[in-house]
Amino acid sequence: MKFDIEIDAKYLTCPLPILRAKKALFNMKSEQILKIITTDQNSIYDFQLFSKQTKNVLLIQKQLEKGVVEHYICRK
């Protein structure tokens, strides 16, 4: 999937991946896409909730090997 900004938040625990995503999204333009890579076990649920609360669109979450998850979020 095409994206505009990528953040590597592997091995960081909540709330750090969310805070990094929030900071990045704040500086992005509408309809740009953020890719954030995490290993936190709760990140799938955390980013679903974060997207609902911020009204940004969670496009897809991909579970990769060794507990790595890619989240793609479109800035509202």
N, C-alpha and C. Protein backbone atom coordinates (compact mmCIF):
# COMPACT_ATOMS: atom_id res chain seq x y z
N MET A 1 0.85 -1.17 0.00
CA MET A 1 0.00 0.00 0.00
C MET A 1 0.89 1.24 0.00
N LYS A 2 0.50 2.23 -0.75
CA LYS A 2 1.24 3.48 -0.83
C LYS A 2 1.00 4.28 0.45
N PHE A 3 2.05 4.96 0.94
CA PHE A 3 1.93 5.78 2.14
C PHE A 3 2.84 6.99 2.01
N ASP A 4 2.57 8.01 2.82
CA ASP A 4 3.34 9.25 2.77
C ASP A 4 4.41 9.33 3.86
N ILE A 5 4.11 8.80 5.02
CA ILE A 5 5.04 8.83 6.15
C ILE A 5 5.04 7.46 6.81
N GLU A 6 6.23 7.02 7.23
CA GLU A 6 6.35 5.75 7.93
C GLU A 6 7.01 5.98 9.29
N ILE A 7 6.46 5.34 10.31
CA ILE A 7 7.01 5.41 11.66
C ILE A 7 7.30 3.98 12.12
N ASP A 8 8.50 3.76 12.60
CA ASP A 8 8.87 2.46 13.16
C ASP A 8 8.74 2.56 14.67
N ALA A 9 7.71 1.95 15.22
CA ALA A 9 7.47 1.96 16.66
C ALA A 9 7.60 0.56 17.24
N LYS A 10 8.40 -0.27 16.58
CA LYS A 10 8.63 -1.63 17.09
C LYS A 10 9.30 -1.57 18.45
N TYR A 11 8.91 -2.48 19.30
CA TYR A 11 9.46 -2.64 20.65
C TYR A 11 9.10 -1.51 21.61
N LEU A 12 8.21 -0.61 21.18
CA LEU A 12 7.67 0.42 22.06
C LEU A 12 6.32 -0.05 22.58
N THR A 13 6.03 0.24 23.82
CA THR A 13 4.75 -0.15 24.38
C THR A 13 3.84 1.06 24.49
N CYS A 14 2.56 0.77 24.64
CA CYS A 14 1.55 1.80 24.77
C CYS A 14 1.90 2.70 25.97
N PRO A 15 1.79 3.97 25.82
CA PRO A 15 1.13 4.75 24.77
C PRO A 15 2.06 5.29 23.69
N LEU A 16 3.34 4.91 23.69
CA LEU A 16 4.30 5.52 22.76
C LEU A 16 3.95 5.38 21.28
N PRO A 17 3.51 4.21 20.77
CA PRO A 17 3.13 4.16 19.35
C PRO A 17 1.98 5.11 19.02
N ILE A 18 1.01 5.20 19.90
CA ILE A 18 -0.12 6.11 19.68
C ILE A 18 0.34 7.56 19.68
N LEU A 19 1.20 7.91 20.62
CA LEU A 19 1.69 9.29 20.71
C LEU A 19 2.50 9.66 19.47
N ARG A 20 3.30 8.74 18.98
CA ARG A 20 4.08 9.02 17.76
C ARG A 20 3.17 9.17 16.55
N ALA A 21 2.13 8.35 16.49
CA ALA A 21 1.17 8.47 15.39
C ALA A 21 0.43 9.79 15.47
N LYS A 22 0.01 10.16 16.67
CA LYS A 22 -0.72 11.42 16.86
C LYS A 22 0.12 12.62 16.42
N LYS A 23 1.38 12.62 16.80
CA LYS A 23 2.29 13.71 16.42
C LYS A 23 2.47 13.77 14.90
N ALA A 24 2.66 12.62 14.28
CA ALA A 24 2.84 12.58 12.83
C ALA A 24 1.58 13.04 12.10
N LEU A 25 0.42 12.55 12.53
CA LEU A 25 -0.83 12.93 11.88
C LEU A 25 -1.11 14.42 12.00
N PHE A 26 -0.73 15.01 13.11
CA PHE A 26 -0.93 16.44 13.32
C PHE A 26 -0.22 17.26 12.24
N ASN A 27 0.94 16.79 11.80
CA ASN A 27 1.74 17.52 10.81
C ASN A 27 1.46 17.11 9.37
N MET A 28 0.52 16.19 9.17
CA MET A 28 0.20 15.72 7.82
C MET A 28 -0.97 16.49 7.24
N LYS A 29 -1.07 16.45 5.92
CA LYS A 29 -2.20 17.06 5.21
C LYS A 29 -3.34 16.06 5.12
N SER A 30 -4.53 16.58 4.91
CA SER A 30 -5.71 15.75 4.76
C SER A 30 -5.50 14.74 3.63
N GLU A 31 -5.92 13.51 3.86
CA GLU A 31 -5.87 12.39 2.93
C GLU A 31 -4.48 11.80 2.73
N GLN A 32 -3.48 12.27 3.47
CA GLN A 32 -2.19 11.60 3.43
C GLN A 32 -2.27 10.35 4.29
N ILE A 33 -1.40 9.39 4.01
CA ILE A 33 -1.46 8.10 4.69
C ILE A 33 -0.20 7.89 5.54
N LEU A 34 -0.45 7.49 6.78
CA LEU A 34 0.61 7.16 7.73
C LEU A 34 0.70 5.65 7.86
N LYS A 35 1.92 5.14 7.77
CA LYS A 35 2.18 3.72 8.05
C LYS A 35 2.96 3.67 9.36
N ILE A 36 2.46 2.92 10.32
CA ILE A 36 3.15 2.77 11.59
C ILE A 36 3.33 1.29 11.87
N ILE A 37 4.56 0.91 12.22
CA ILE A 37 4.91 -0.49 12.46
C ILE A 37 5.08 -0.69 13.96
N THR A 38 4.37 -1.69 14.51
CA THR A 38 4.40 -1.94 15.95
C THR A 38 4.62 -3.42 16.26
N THR A 39 5.00 -3.66 17.51
CA THR A 39 5.09 -5.03 18.01
C THR A 39 4.29 -5.19 19.30
N ASP A 40 3.74 -4.12 19.82
CA ASP A 40 2.93 -4.16 21.04
C ASP A 40 1.71 -5.05 20.80
N GLN A 41 1.47 -6.01 21.68
CA GLN A 41 0.37 -6.96 21.52
C GLN A 41 -1.00 -6.28 21.44
N ASN A 42 -1.14 -5.15 22.10
CA ASN A 42 -2.44 -4.46 22.13
C ASN A 42 -2.59 -3.41 21.03
N SER A 43 -1.60 -3.29 20.16
CA SER A 43 -1.63 -2.20 19.18
C SER A 43 -2.79 -2.30 18.20
N ILE A 44 -3.22 -3.50 17.87
CA ILE A 44 -4.34 -3.62 16.92
C ILE A 44 -5.58 -2.95 17.50
N TYR A 45 -5.92 -3.30 18.72
CA TYR A 45 -7.08 -2.68 19.37
C TYR A 45 -6.83 -1.19 19.63
N ASP A 46 -5.62 -0.84 20.08
CA ASP A 46 -5.31 0.55 20.40
C ASP A 46 -5.51 1.46 19.19
N PHE A 47 -5.04 1.02 18.02
CA PHE A 47 -5.17 1.86 16.83
C PHE A 47 -6.60 1.88 16.29
N GLN A 48 -7.37 0.84 16.52
CA GLN A 48 -8.79 0.87 16.15
C GLN A 48 -9.50 1.93 16.98
N LEU A 49 -9.25 1.93 18.27
CA LEU A 49 -9.86 2.91 19.17
C LEU A 49 -9.36 4.32 18.88
N PHE A 50 -8.07 4.47 18.66
CA PHE A 50 -7.47 5.77 18.34
C PHE A 50 -8.12 6.37 17.09
N SER A 51 -8.31 5.55 16.06
CA SER A 51 -8.90 6.04 14.82
C SER A 51 -10.34 6.51 15.02
N LYS A 52 -11.10 5.76 15.80
CA LYS A 52 -12.47 6.17 16.08
C LYS A 52 -12.51 7.49 16.85
N GLN A 53 -11.64 7.62 17.83
CA GLN A 53 -11.62 8.83 18.66
C GLN A 53 -11.17 10.06 17.89
N THR A 54 -10.23 9.89 16.96
CA THR A 54 -9.69 11.03 16.22
C THR A 54 -10.39 11.27 14.89
N LYS A 55 -11.27 10.34 14.50
CA LYS A 55 -12.00 10.41 13.23
C LYS A 55 -11.09 10.23 12.01
N ASN A 56 -9.85 9.78 12.23
CA ASN A 56 -8.99 9.41 11.10
C ASN A 56 -9.40 8.00 10.66
N VAL A 57 -9.12 7.66 9.41
CA VAL A 57 -9.59 6.40 8.85
C VAL A 57 -8.49 5.34 8.95
N LEU A 58 -8.77 4.27 9.67
CA LEU A 58 -7.87 3.13 9.74
C LEU A 58 -8.13 2.29 8.50
N LEU A 59 -7.21 2.33 7.55
CA LEU A 59 -7.42 1.67 6.27
C LEU A 59 -7.23 0.16 6.37
N ILE A 60 -6.13 -0.25 6.97
CA ILE A 60 -5.83 -1.68 7.06
C ILE A 60 -4.82 -1.90 8.19
N GLN A 61 -4.89 -3.10 8.75
CA GLN A 61 -3.90 -3.55 9.72
C GLN A 61 -3.41 -4.91 9.24
N LYS A 62 -2.10 -5.02 9.02
CA LYS A 62 -1.51 -6.26 8.51
C LYS A 62 -0.67 -6.91 9.60
N GLN A 63 -1.00 -8.14 9.94
CA GLN A 63 -0.22 -8.92 10.89
C GLN A 63 0.90 -9.60 10.11
N LEU A 64 2.14 -9.28 10.44
CA LEU A 64 3.30 -9.87 9.78
C LEU A 64 3.95 -10.90 10.70
N GLU A 65 5.13 -11.31 10.37
CA GLU A 65 5.85 -12.32 11.16
C GLU A 65 6.31 -11.76 12.50
N LYS A 66 6.51 -12.65 13.45
CA LYS A 66 7.08 -12.34 14.77
C LYS A 66 6.34 -11.24 15.52
N GLY A 67 5.04 -11.16 15.37
CA GLY A 67 4.25 -10.19 16.12
C GLY A 67 4.29 -8.77 15.60
N VAL A 68 4.83 -8.57 14.42
CA VAL A 68 4.90 -7.23 13.83
C VAL A 68 3.58 -6.92 13.14
N VAL A 69 3.07 -5.71 13.38
CA VAL A 69 1.82 -5.28 12.76
C VAL A 69 2.05 -3.95 12.06
N GLU A 70 1.54 -3.85 10.82
CA GLU A 70 1.55 -2.58 10.09
C GLU A 70 0.14 -1.99 10.14
N HIS A 71 0.06 -0.72 10.48
CA HIS A 71 -1.21 -0.01 10.53
C HIS A 71 -1.12 1.12 9.50
N TYR A 72 -2.17 1.27 8.70
CA TYR A 72 -2.24 2.34 7.71
C TYR A 72 -3.42 3.23 8.08
N ILE A 73 -3.11 4.51 8.32
CA ILE A 73 -4.13 5.46 8.77
C ILE A 73 -4.15 6.64 7.81
N CYS A 74 -5.34 6.98 7.34
CA CYS A 74 -5.52 8.13 6.46
C CYS A 74 -5.95 9.34 7.28
N ARG A 75 -5.22 10.43 7.14
CA ARG A 75 -5.52 11.67 7.87
C ARG A 75 -6.85 12.22 7.39
N LYS A 76 -7.69 12.60 8.34
CA LYS A 76 -9.01 13.15 7.97
C LYS A 76 -8.88 14.51 7.34
